[in-house]
Amino acid sequence: MNEFPYPPNRLPVLGDVLSLNPGKPVQSMAKLADKLGPVYELRFGPMRMVIVNSAELVDEVQSEALWEKEFGPPIRRLRKVVRTGLIAAATEDPQWGAAHRVLMPGFSREAMRGYHPTMVQVVAELIRKWEHGSDPVDVAGEMNSMALEVIARAGFGHSFTTLDEPPAGNSLPVVKLMVDVLRYASRPVSAKLVDATIGRFALRRHRHNVTELQRIAGSLIDNCPPVADEAPNLLQHMMETPDPDTGQRLSRTVVRDQVLTFLIAGHETSANTLTFALHALGDRPDIVERVREEIDTVAGGDPATLTYEQVAKLQYLRRVVDEILRLWPVAGGYFRRPKQDTHLGEHRIGRGAWVYVNLLAVHRDKRAWGPDADQFDPDRFAPDATPRRAAGAYKPFGIGVRSCIGRQFAIHEIVLTLAHVLYAFDLEPDPKYQLAVDELVTLKPAGLRMRMRSRNQLPAS
């Protein structure tokens, strides 16, 4: 069998450390795919990792008979924060299974219909805030605060702030706590080699942040009201619904870990996608106009009246969201490992080897998406285009039983928010801004500021 390709500047002992930007490994690996092809190997000291970059090979590693989930370093670090959380616990962990079964009804169609009014309320506050402001907004910070409010109110019956009243926006302390925790989890392996004093300080700060987040989650649990006549929220589901398999309720620790998981990872999914979307649409007034025409058709020109069912009818806007998730999947990739010695394409690979599916490269695989795969084109997801897509070409929410449980919640929130924002404002990007992407477990635009010009404002006399 053929040996895996590898970067040309490999060093003895250290391996391929010169081939990656340690602060942006996913983006570095995607660039290497242009040179090394659909699959290649990286070595760092004794550690070996195979990188998959093609839709065709993704189809192979999806086989549940031959492959299983592996946890990369960032998730292993997050496991110390949310040990039984859905994002971090092993599939065979009974507590993961119990939490997954209890939470599934919380994302049913009926449950989603109940969350819709809360989402509308939060987005309306954001619109009012931007209408009364004139300065460029910190898009990522504002989206973080908005998405955190959505999951807090809809999922846990709690509000951290009212977005159109100070203090709001990116000043929320809880947002900074979560970003710091994600940043620590994403630190490169080389961080262990930094000065011991700096390392101890970073660890002390991280432990403080984790303790504070756990305190916040504990407070949400302590203040959770009993279920009334209306449908229960996510926290009430976890507190009062027994596991259908065992009849046992989730322990307080398991509930706390899920609350933290949704607070940290749940809000990042929506916030980052919205930020990428506004950046892309800032240069595409033609696409924005098509979105507005669709809103006119579906909602009679007033997105505030959109019902839960009508959001699903915004099919072109949904294509916009799908295309953003293709170009910039929230998670840059995921790990798999073979259950036995097997083959990956024309290469032999041993049982237990680390394989990283680089979604940033897979979603831009020109063999699957065409020569313009790097371009933003929502019509790739038009109904007549979809059948031409390889099965493994698009996996923004992961695969199998470990795929994102809250994906429908996130998609509904993102589509609804974009409908409101694009109808209320003309986007005025900073012409000097060049997209920079941070990697904090998730992919996140950095430093994006944009002026939101209200379409309802009368011109000055």
Protein backbone atom coordinates (compact mmCIF):
# COMPACT_ATOMS: atom_id res chain seq x y z
CA MET A 1 0.00 0.00 0.00
CA ASN A 2 1.13 3.57 -0.68
CA GLU A 3 2.67 5.62 2.12
CA PHE A 4 0.68 8.69 3.19
CA PRO A 5 2.02 11.96 1.73
CA TYR A 6 3.50 14.36 4.26
CA PRO A 7 4.90 17.93 4.25
CA PRO A 8 8.35 18.34 2.67
CA ASN A 9 9.98 20.20 5.59
CA ARG A 10 9.61 17.42 8.20
CA LEU A 11 12.20 17.60 10.99
CA PRO A 12 13.83 14.72 12.89
CA VAL A 13 12.08 14.10 16.22
CA LEU A 14 9.93 17.27 16.02
CA GLY A 15 8.15 16.17 12.86
CA ASP A 16 5.94 18.67 11.02
CA VAL A 17 5.94 21.57 13.48
CA LEU A 18 7.10 23.97 10.76
CA SER A 19 4.12 23.15 8.56
CA LEU A 20 1.35 24.48 10.81
CA ASN A 21 0.51 27.83 12.34
CA PRO A 22 -0.03 26.68 15.96
CA GLY A 23 -2.70 29.35 16.47
CA LYS A 24 -4.62 28.39 13.31
CA PRO A 25 -4.08 24.66 12.79
CA VAL A 26 -7.32 23.96 10.89
CA GLN A 27 -6.67 26.72 8.37
CA SER A 28 -3.04 25.61 8.02
CA MET A 29 -4.10 22.02 7.37
CA ALA A 30 -6.60 23.18 4.72
CA LYS A 31 -3.82 25.01 2.90
CA LEU A 32 -1.62 21.90 3.05
CA ALA A 33 -4.41 19.98 1.33
CA ASP A 34 -3.90 22.13 -1.77
CA LYS A 35 -0.33 20.81 -1.98
CA LEU A 36 -0.58 17.30 -0.57
CA GLY A 37 -3.98 16.16 -1.83
CA PRO A 38 -7.05 14.45 -0.37
CA VAL A 39 -5.24 12.68 2.47
CA TYR A 40 -1.89 13.18 4.16
CA GLU A 41 -0.06 12.53 7.42
CA LEU A 42 1.28 14.85 10.10
CA ARG A 43 3.70 13.89 12.86
CA PHE A 44 4.52 15.83 16.03
CA GLY A 45 7.12 13.96 18.03
CA PRO A 46 5.65 10.50 18.65
CA MET A 47 2.12 11.61 17.73
CA ARG A 48 0.82 10.71 14.27
CA MET A 49 -2.36 12.08 12.70
CA VAL A 50 -3.92 11.44 9.28
CA ILE A 51 -5.81 14.37 7.71
CA VAL A 52 -8.79 13.72 5.42
CA ASN A 53 -9.68 16.50 2.97
CA SER A 54 -12.01 14.95 0.39
CA ALA A 55 -15.72 14.17 0.33
CA GLU A 56 -15.06 10.70 -1.06
CA LEU A 57 -12.84 9.72 1.87
CA VAL A 58 -15.30 11.20 4.37
CA ASP A 59 -17.79 8.63 3.12
CA GLU A 60 -15.34 5.90 4.12
CA VAL A 61 -14.69 7.12 7.68
CA GLN A 62 -18.43 7.52 8.34
CA SER A 63 -18.88 3.74 8.43
CA GLU A 64 -20.01 2.92 11.98
CA ALA A 65 -19.01 -0.70 11.42
CA LEU A 66 -15.34 0.15 10.84
CA TRP A 67 -14.90 3.57 12.43
CA GLU A 68 -15.80 5.37 15.67
CA LYS A 69 -15.59 8.82 17.22
CA GLU A 70 -12.29 10.08 18.61
CA PHE A 71 -11.80 13.15 20.80
CA GLY A 72 -9.15 15.69 19.83
CA PRO A 73 -7.08 17.73 22.31
CA PRO A 74 -9.50 20.71 22.58
CA ILE A 75 -12.49 18.51 23.46
CA ARG A 76 -10.37 16.47 25.86
CA ARG A 77 -9.58 19.73 27.65
CA LEU A 78 -13.23 20.77 27.65
CA ARG A 79 -14.06 17.40 29.20
CA LYS A 80 -12.42 18.68 32.38
CA VAL A 81 -15.02 21.47 32.38
CA VAL A 82 -18.11 19.49 31.30
CA ARG A 83 -17.18 15.86 32.00
CA THR A 84 -20.60 14.38 31.15
CA GLY A 85 -21.56 17.07 28.64
CA LEU A 86 -22.94 15.93 25.29
CA ILE A 87 -19.99 17.48 23.48
CA ALA A 88 -17.30 15.80 25.59
CA ALA A 89 -18.44 12.52 27.16
CA ALA A 90 -17.77 9.19 25.48
CA THR A 91 -20.68 7.63 23.61
CA GLU A 92 -20.49 4.52 25.78
CA ASP A 93 -20.74 6.60 28.98
CA PRO A 94 -24.18 5.75 30.49
CA GLN A 95 -24.56 9.37 31.64
CA TRP A 96 -24.07 10.64 28.08
CA GLY A 97 -26.75 8.23 26.85
CA ALA A 98 -29.18 9.23 29.59
CA ALA A 99 -28.72 12.96 28.95
CA HIS A 100 -29.10 12.47 25.20
CA ARG A 101 -32.35 10.52 25.60
CA VAL A 102 -33.80 13.02 28.08
CA LEU A 103 -32.92 16.02 25.91
CA MET A 104 -34.12 14.73 22.55
CA PRO A 105 -37.78 15.78 23.13
CA GLY A 106 -36.49 19.27 23.95
CA PHE A 107 -35.64 19.72 20.26
CA SER A 108 -38.83 18.29 18.77
CA ARG A 109 -40.97 20.33 16.39
CA GLU A 110 -43.42 21.09 19.17
CA ALA A 111 -40.64 22.25 21.49
CA MET A 112 -39.14 24.40 18.74
CA ARG A 113 -42.50 26.05 18.17
CA GLY A 114 -42.48 27.02 21.85
CA TYR A 115 -39.00 28.59 21.63
CA HIS A 116 -39.91 30.73 18.60
CA PRO A 117 -41.56 33.66 20.47
CA THR A 118 -38.56 33.97 22.77
CA MET A 119 -36.20 34.10 19.81
CA VAL A 120 -38.35 36.82 18.22
CA GLN A 121 -38.28 38.81 21.47
CA VAL A 122 -34.48 38.70 21.76
CA VAL A 123 -33.88 39.57 18.11
CA ALA A 124 -36.31 42.51 18.40
CA GLU A 125 -34.22 43.89 21.28
CA LEU A 126 -31.10 43.66 19.13
CA ILE A 127 -32.83 45.48 16.26
CA ARG A 128 -33.95 48.29 18.58
CA LYS A 129 -30.45 48.65 19.98
CA TRP A 130 -28.89 48.96 16.54
CA GLU A 131 -31.59 51.35 15.34
CA HIS A 132 -30.70 53.78 18.13
CA GLY A 133 -26.95 53.53 17.54
CA SER A 134 -24.79 55.15 14.90
CA ASP A 135 -21.33 53.72 15.51
CA PRO A 136 -20.03 50.57 13.81
CA VAL A 137 -20.87 47.49 15.85
CA ASP A 138 -18.59 44.71 17.03
CA VAL A 139 -20.44 42.04 15.08
CA ALA A 140 -19.00 38.96 16.81
CA GLY A 141 -19.51 40.47 20.28
CA GLU A 142 -23.09 41.49 19.55
CA MET A 143 -23.92 38.10 18.06
CA ASN A 144 -22.44 36.34 21.09
CA SER A 145 -24.61 38.36 23.46
CA MET A 146 -27.73 37.83 21.35
CA ALA A 147 -27.21 34.06 20.97
CA LEU A 148 -26.44 33.68 24.68
CA GLU A 149 -29.71 35.44 25.54
CA VAL A 150 -31.63 33.15 23.19
CA ILE A 151 -30.33 29.94 24.74
CA ALA A 152 -30.58 31.35 28.29
CA ARG A 153 -34.19 32.50 27.95
CA ALA A 154 -35.52 29.73 25.70
CA GLY A 155 -33.51 26.92 27.26
CA PHE A 156 -33.23 27.88 30.91
CA GLY A 157 -35.86 30.55 31.61
CA HIS A 158 -33.15 33.04 32.58
CA SER A 159 -32.02 36.40 31.22
CA PHE A 160 -28.49 37.74 31.55
CA THR A 161 -29.41 41.14 30.11
CA THR A 162 -31.88 43.08 28.00
CA LEU A 163 -30.07 43.77 24.75
CA ASP A 164 -31.50 47.23 24.12
CA GLU A 165 -30.71 48.47 27.63
CA PRO A 166 -27.22 48.98 29.11
CA PRO A 167 -25.19 47.06 30.04
CA ALA A 168 -25.51 44.85 26.97
CA GLY A 169 -23.65 43.80 23.88
CA ASN A 170 -20.16 42.38 24.21
CA SER A 171 -19.78 43.76 27.76
CA LEU A 172 -21.49 40.72 29.28
CA PRO A 173 -19.04 39.14 31.74
CA VAL A 174 -20.39 35.64 31.11
CA VAL A 175 -19.52 35.94 27.40
CA LYS A 176 -15.92 36.78 28.26
CA LEU A 177 -15.77 33.85 30.68
CA MET A 178 -16.87 31.42 27.98
CA VAL A 179 -14.55 32.84 25.33
CA ASP A 180 -11.62 32.56 27.76
CA VAL A 181 -12.49 28.93 28.52
CA LEU A 182 -12.65 28.12 24.79
CA ARG A 183 -9.38 29.93 24.18
CA TYR A 184 -7.66 27.92 26.89
CA ALA A 185 -9.03 24.65 25.53
CA SER A 186 -7.74 25.59 22.06
CA ARG A 187 -4.21 26.49 23.08
CA PRO A 188 -1.60 24.69 20.97
CA VAL A 189 0.38 21.77 22.31
CA SER A 190 3.43 24.01 22.25
CA ALA A 191 1.82 26.04 25.06
CA LYS A 192 3.14 23.43 27.46
CA LEU A 193 6.64 24.59 26.58
CA VAL A 194 6.11 28.24 27.57
CA ASP A 195 7.60 29.77 30.68
CA ALA A 196 6.33 27.94 33.75
CA THR A 197 5.23 31.19 35.42
CA ILE A 198 3.00 32.14 32.48
CA GLY A 199 1.65 28.62 32.31
CA ARG A 200 0.74 28.60 36.01
CA PHE A 201 -0.96 31.99 35.69
CA ALA A 202 -3.03 30.81 32.69
CA LEU A 203 -4.05 27.63 34.53
CA ARG A 204 -5.04 29.61 37.63
CA ARG A 205 -7.17 31.96 35.55
CA HIS A 206 -8.75 29.04 33.70
CA ARG A 207 -9.71 27.31 36.94
CA HIS A 208 -11.25 30.54 38.21
CA ASN A 209 -13.27 30.89 35.00
CA VAL A 210 -14.51 27.30 35.22
CA THR A 211 -15.51 27.74 38.87
CA GLU A 212 -17.43 30.89 38.01
CA LEU A 213 -19.25 29.23 35.09
CA GLN A 214 -20.15 26.28 37.30
CA ARG A 215 -21.51 28.72 39.88
CA ILE A 216 -23.67 30.36 37.19
CA ALA A 217 -24.97 26.97 36.01
CA GLY A 218 -25.70 25.96 39.60
CA SER A 219 -27.67 29.16 40.13
CA LEU A 220 -29.77 28.43 37.03
CA ILE A 221 -30.55 24.97 38.41
CA ASP A 222 -31.42 26.31 41.87
CA ASN A 223 -33.81 28.87 40.37
CA CYS A 224 -35.47 26.53 37.89
CA PRO A 225 -39.26 26.75 38.39
CA PRO A 226 -41.40 23.61 38.23
CA VAL A 227 -43.10 22.87 34.92
CA ALA A 228 -46.42 24.67 34.60
CA ASP A 229 -49.09 24.06 31.97
CA GLU A 230 -46.90 25.29 29.12
CA ALA A 231 -44.24 23.11 27.49
CA PRO A 232 -41.08 22.67 29.60
CA ASN A 233 -37.83 24.31 28.57
CA LEU A 234 -34.53 22.40 28.27
CA LEU A 235 -33.61 22.81 31.92
CA GLN A 236 -37.03 21.68 33.10
CA HIS A 237 -36.75 18.65 30.79
CA MET A 238 -33.47 17.70 32.45
CA MET A 239 -34.70 18.36 35.98
CA GLU A 240 -38.03 16.56 35.82
CA THR A 241 -37.95 14.00 32.98
CA PRO A 242 -36.72 10.50 33.85
CA ASP A 243 -34.52 8.61 31.41
CA PRO A 244 -36.97 6.50 29.35
CA ASP A 245 -34.55 3.54 29.46
CA THR A 246 -33.74 3.46 33.17
CA GLY A 247 -36.52 5.47 34.79
CA GLN A 248 -33.87 7.46 36.68
CA ARG A 249 -33.59 11.24 36.69
CA LEU A 250 -30.35 12.96 35.75
CA SER A 251 -28.06 13.87 38.63
CA ARG A 252 -27.41 17.50 39.44
CA THR A 253 -23.84 17.17 38.11
CA VAL A 254 -25.03 15.80 34.78
CA VAL A 255 -27.63 18.57 34.48
CA ARG A 256 -24.98 21.18 35.31
CA ASP A 257 -22.64 19.78 32.66
CA GLN A 258 -25.37 19.98 30.00
CA VAL A 259 -26.25 23.56 30.98
CA LEU A 260 -22.61 24.55 30.62
CA THR A 261 -22.36 22.69 27.31
CA PHE A 262 -25.30 24.61 25.87
CA LEU A 263 -24.08 27.92 27.27
CA ILE A 264 -20.55 27.50 25.91
CA ALA A 265 -20.95 25.52 22.70
CA GLY A 266 -24.62 26.14 21.97
CA HIS A 267 -24.43 29.89 21.66
CA GLU A 268 -21.12 29.82 19.72
CA THR A 269 -22.68 27.83 16.86
CA SER A 270 -25.28 30.47 16.13
CA ALA A 271 -23.15 33.52 16.92
CA ASN A 272 -20.22 32.54 14.71
CA THR A 273 -22.41 31.56 11.76
CA LEU A 274 -24.29 34.85 11.98
CA THR A 275 -21.02 36.79 12.07
CA PHE A 276 -19.64 34.97 9.03
CA ALA A 277 -22.96 35.52 7.25
CA LEU A 278 -23.04 39.29 7.83
CA HIS A 279 -19.44 39.54 6.65
CA ALA A 280 -20.21 37.67 3.43
CA LEU A 281 -23.45 39.55 2.77
CA GLY A 282 -21.85 42.94 3.35
CA ASP A 283 -20.35 42.67 -0.14
CA ARG A 284 -23.39 41.06 -1.77
CA PRO A 285 -26.32 43.51 -1.89
CA ASP A 286 -27.78 41.40 -4.72
CA ILE A 287 -28.21 38.44 -2.37
CA VAL A 288 -29.57 40.67 0.39
CA GLU A 289 -32.18 42.01 -2.01
CA ARG A 290 -33.29 38.47 -2.92
CA VAL A 291 -33.67 37.73 0.79
CA ARG A 292 -35.83 40.83 1.27
CA GLU A 293 -38.02 39.89 -1.69
CA GLU A 294 -38.53 36.46 -0.16
CA ILE A 295 -39.52 38.04 3.18
CA ASP A 296 -41.99 40.25 1.34
CA THR A 297 -43.54 37.16 -0.22
CA VAL A 298 -43.64 35.01 2.93
CA ALA A 299 -44.35 37.61 5.62
CA GLY A 300 -45.91 40.47 3.70
CA GLY A 301 -42.89 42.68 4.28
CA ASP A 302 -42.77 42.46 8.08
CA PRO A 303 -40.35 39.85 9.48
CA ALA A 304 -41.69 40.57 12.99
CA THR A 305 -44.86 38.69 12.00
CA LEU A 306 -43.03 35.55 10.90
CA THR A 307 -44.55 32.49 12.53
CA TYR A 308 -42.60 29.36 13.36
CA GLU A 309 -43.92 27.64 10.24
CA GLN A 310 -43.14 30.62 8.00
CA VAL A 311 -39.46 30.64 8.95
CA ALA A 312 -39.12 27.27 7.23
CA LYS A 313 -40.58 28.83 4.07
CA LEU A 314 -37.63 31.21 3.76
CA GLN A 315 -35.95 28.70 1.51
CA TYR A 316 -33.53 31.05 -0.23
CA LEU A 317 -32.37 32.47 3.11
CA ARG A 318 -31.84 28.90 4.30
CA ARG A 319 -29.59 28.36 1.26
CA VAL A 320 -27.58 31.40 2.33
CA VAL A 321 -27.10 29.85 5.79
CA ASP A 322 -26.17 26.46 4.33
CA GLU A 323 -23.58 28.09 2.09
CA ILE A 324 -22.06 30.00 5.01
CA LEU A 325 -21.80 26.74 6.97
CA ARG A 326 -20.14 25.14 3.96
CA LEU A 327 -17.47 27.83 3.67
CA TRP A 328 -17.06 28.31 7.41
CA PRO A 329 -18.29 25.31 9.42
CA VAL A 330 -18.50 26.26 13.08
CA ALA A 331 -16.31 23.32 14.07
CA GLY A 332 -13.34 23.08 11.74
CA GLY A 333 -13.50 19.29 11.75
CA TYR A 334 -13.85 16.16 13.83
CA PHE A 335 -11.78 13.11 14.74
CA ARG A 336 -12.40 9.46 13.86
CA ARG A 337 -10.46 6.27 14.52
CA PRO A 338 -10.63 2.82 12.91
CA LYS A 339 -11.91 -0.01 15.08
CA GLN A 340 -9.59 -2.44 13.31
CA ASP A 341 -6.80 -2.43 10.75
CA THR A 342 -8.38 -1.24 7.53
CA HIS A 343 -7.81 0.94 4.48
CA LEU A 344 -8.33 4.64 3.83
CA GLY A 345 -8.42 5.09 0.08
CA GLU A 346 -5.33 3.32 -1.21
CA HIS A 347 -3.53 3.48 2.13
CA ARG A 348 -3.39 0.99 4.98
CA ILE A 349 -4.24 2.43 8.39
CA GLY A 350 -3.96 0.75 11.77
CA ARG A 351 -6.55 0.25 14.48
CA GLY A 352 -6.88 3.27 16.78
CA ALA A 353 -5.03 5.72 14.53
CA TRP A 354 -6.08 9.37 14.78
CA VAL A 355 -7.86 10.61 11.67
CA TYR A 356 -8.95 14.24 11.45
CA VAL A 357 -11.69 15.15 8.97
CA ASN A 358 -10.85 18.75 8.02
CA LEU A 359 -14.25 20.18 7.14
CA LEU A 360 -12.70 23.44 6.01
CA ALA A 361 -11.01 21.48 3.21
CA VAL A 362 -13.79 18.93 2.61
CA HIS A 363 -16.41 21.67 2.19
CA ARG A 364 -14.18 23.29 -0.45
CA ASP A 365 -13.24 20.07 -2.26
CA LYS A 366 -13.32 21.10 -5.92
CA ARG A 367 -14.12 17.55 -7.03
CA ALA A 368 -17.34 17.73 -5.03
CA TRP A 369 -18.24 21.43 -5.35
CA GLY A 370 -16.67 22.48 -8.65
CA PRO A 371 -13.79 24.81 -9.57
CA ASP A 372 -15.42 27.78 -7.82
CA ALA A 373 -15.69 25.97 -4.47
CA ASP A 374 -14.06 28.89 -2.64
CA GLN A 375 -16.74 31.31 -3.81
CA PHE A 376 -19.92 32.25 -1.92
CA ASP A 377 -22.91 30.99 -3.93
CA PRO A 378 -26.15 30.08 -2.09
CA ASP A 379 -27.59 28.53 -5.26
CA ARG A 380 -25.30 25.53 -4.72
CA PHE A 381 -28.07 24.41 -2.36
CA ALA A 382 -30.91 24.92 -4.82
CA PRO A 383 -33.07 21.78 -5.12
CA ASP A 384 -31.80 20.88 -8.58
CA ALA A 385 -28.15 21.20 -7.44
CA THR A 386 -28.34 19.03 -4.34
CA PRO A 387 -28.45 15.59 -6.06
CA ARG A 388 -25.04 16.26 -7.62
CA ARG A 389 -23.43 16.56 -4.20
CA ALA A 390 -21.44 13.66 -2.75
CA ALA A 391 -22.82 12.33 0.53
CA GLY A 392 -19.71 13.22 2.51
CA ALA A 393 -19.29 16.69 1.02
CA TYR A 394 -21.31 18.60 3.63
CA LYS A 395 -21.21 17.76 7.34
CA PRO A 396 -21.35 21.05 9.29
CA PHE A 397 -23.00 19.43 12.34
CA GLY A 398 -20.98 16.21 12.49
CA ILE A 399 -22.22 12.70 11.77
CA GLY A 400 -24.28 9.91 13.27
CA VAL A 401 -25.51 9.79 16.84
CA ARG A 402 -22.84 12.34 17.82
CA SER A 403 -24.11 15.00 15.44
CA CYS A 404 -25.19 18.26 17.05
CA ILE A 405 -28.42 17.68 18.99
CA GLY A 406 -29.36 21.36 18.78
CA ARG A 407 -28.85 21.87 15.04
CA GLN A 408 -32.53 22.62 14.34
CA PHE A 409 -32.58 25.13 17.19
CA ALA A 410 -29.47 26.82 15.76
CA ILE A 411 -30.72 26.87 12.16
CA HIS A 412 -34.09 28.34 13.16
CA GLU A 413 -32.39 31.01 15.27
CA ILE A 414 -29.90 31.92 12.52
CA VAL A 415 -32.52 32.17 9.75
CA LEU A 416 -34.88 34.19 11.95
CA THR A 417 -32.13 36.59 13.04
CA LEU A 418 -30.86 37.17 9.50
CA ALA A 419 -34.42 37.80 8.27
CA HIS A 420 -34.84 40.57 10.85
CA VAL A 421 -31.39 42.12 10.45
CA LEU A 422 -31.29 42.10 6.64
CA TYR A 423 -34.77 43.58 6.39
CA ALA A 424 -34.09 46.31 8.96
CA PHE A 425 -30.61 47.40 7.93
CA ASP A 426 -28.32 48.10 5.02
CA LEU A 427 -24.94 46.57 5.81
CA GLU A 428 -21.98 48.93 5.53
CA PRO A 429 -18.72 46.99 5.94
CA ASP A 430 -15.36 48.58 6.62
CA PRO A 431 -13.62 48.55 3.21
CA LYS A 432 -10.25 48.13 4.92
CA TYR A 433 -11.24 45.00 6.81
CA GLN A 434 -9.71 41.68 5.74
CA LEU A 435 -11.33 38.56 7.16
CA ALA A 436 -9.27 37.01 9.95
CA VAL A 437 -10.47 33.82 11.61
CA ASP A 438 -9.67 32.76 15.17
CA GLU A 439 -9.76 29.10 16.19
CA LEU A 440 -11.26 28.68 19.67
CA VAL A 441 -12.51 25.09 19.35
CA THR A 442 -14.89 26.79 16.91
CA LEU A 443 -13.98 29.02 13.94
CA LYS A 444 -14.75 32.66 14.66
CA PRO A 445 -14.29 35.91 12.67
CA ALA A 446 -11.95 38.29 14.46
CA GLY A 447 -12.21 42.05 14.62
CA LEU A 448 -15.23 42.43 12.31
CA ARG A 449 -16.91 45.81 12.72
CA MET A 450 -19.78 46.93 10.51
CA ARG A 451 -22.13 49.88 10.42
CA MET A 452 -25.83 48.98 10.45
CA ARG A 453 -27.73 51.68 8.56
CA SER A 454 -31.43 51.55 9.43
CA ARG A 455 -33.66 51.35 6.35
CA ASN A 456 -36.39 53.16 8.31
CA GLN A 457 -34.36 56.30 8.92
CA LEU A 458 -35.43 59.40 7.02
CA PRO A 459 -32.64 61.27 5.21
CA ALA A 460 -31.45 64.45 6.89
CA SER A 461 -33.17 67.58 5.57
